[in-house]
């Protein structure tokens, strides 16, 4: 189980139970579960370890989120009660990318988006270098 304390004694918690991963908001003082989403149900080949999961709060503490393998899987918005989850199906499935849902998670960087942006950058740099070399030869 992973947890991160948020506002007013509320905890964002990730827990696995009988092969399913759950992300929920919990208030221990009253033992209330305020919101809960199922992030995955384990299937063949889907092995999520504790070190693959990160629980975090937005900078203004109005949202909490859970990432697995560097991709945001679930977000719970305390201010309006809305939830968003893109269930984990396999290691390569896309996570949450909507900027409104990710707003405020300043230390979150989607792993898949980072890899793609890095590829684009290096392709462009290679193209520029090749063009520059051709210009010098002419």
Foldseek 3Di string as FASTA:
>chain_A
DDWDAFPPQKIWDWDDDPQWIKTFIARVVVRDTLDMDTQEHDDPPDDFDPVQKDWAAFQVRQKIFMGGNQATAKMAGNVPGDIDGDHDDDNPDHHDDPCVRCPRVVPGDRPVVVVVVVVVVVVVVVVVVVVVVVVVVD
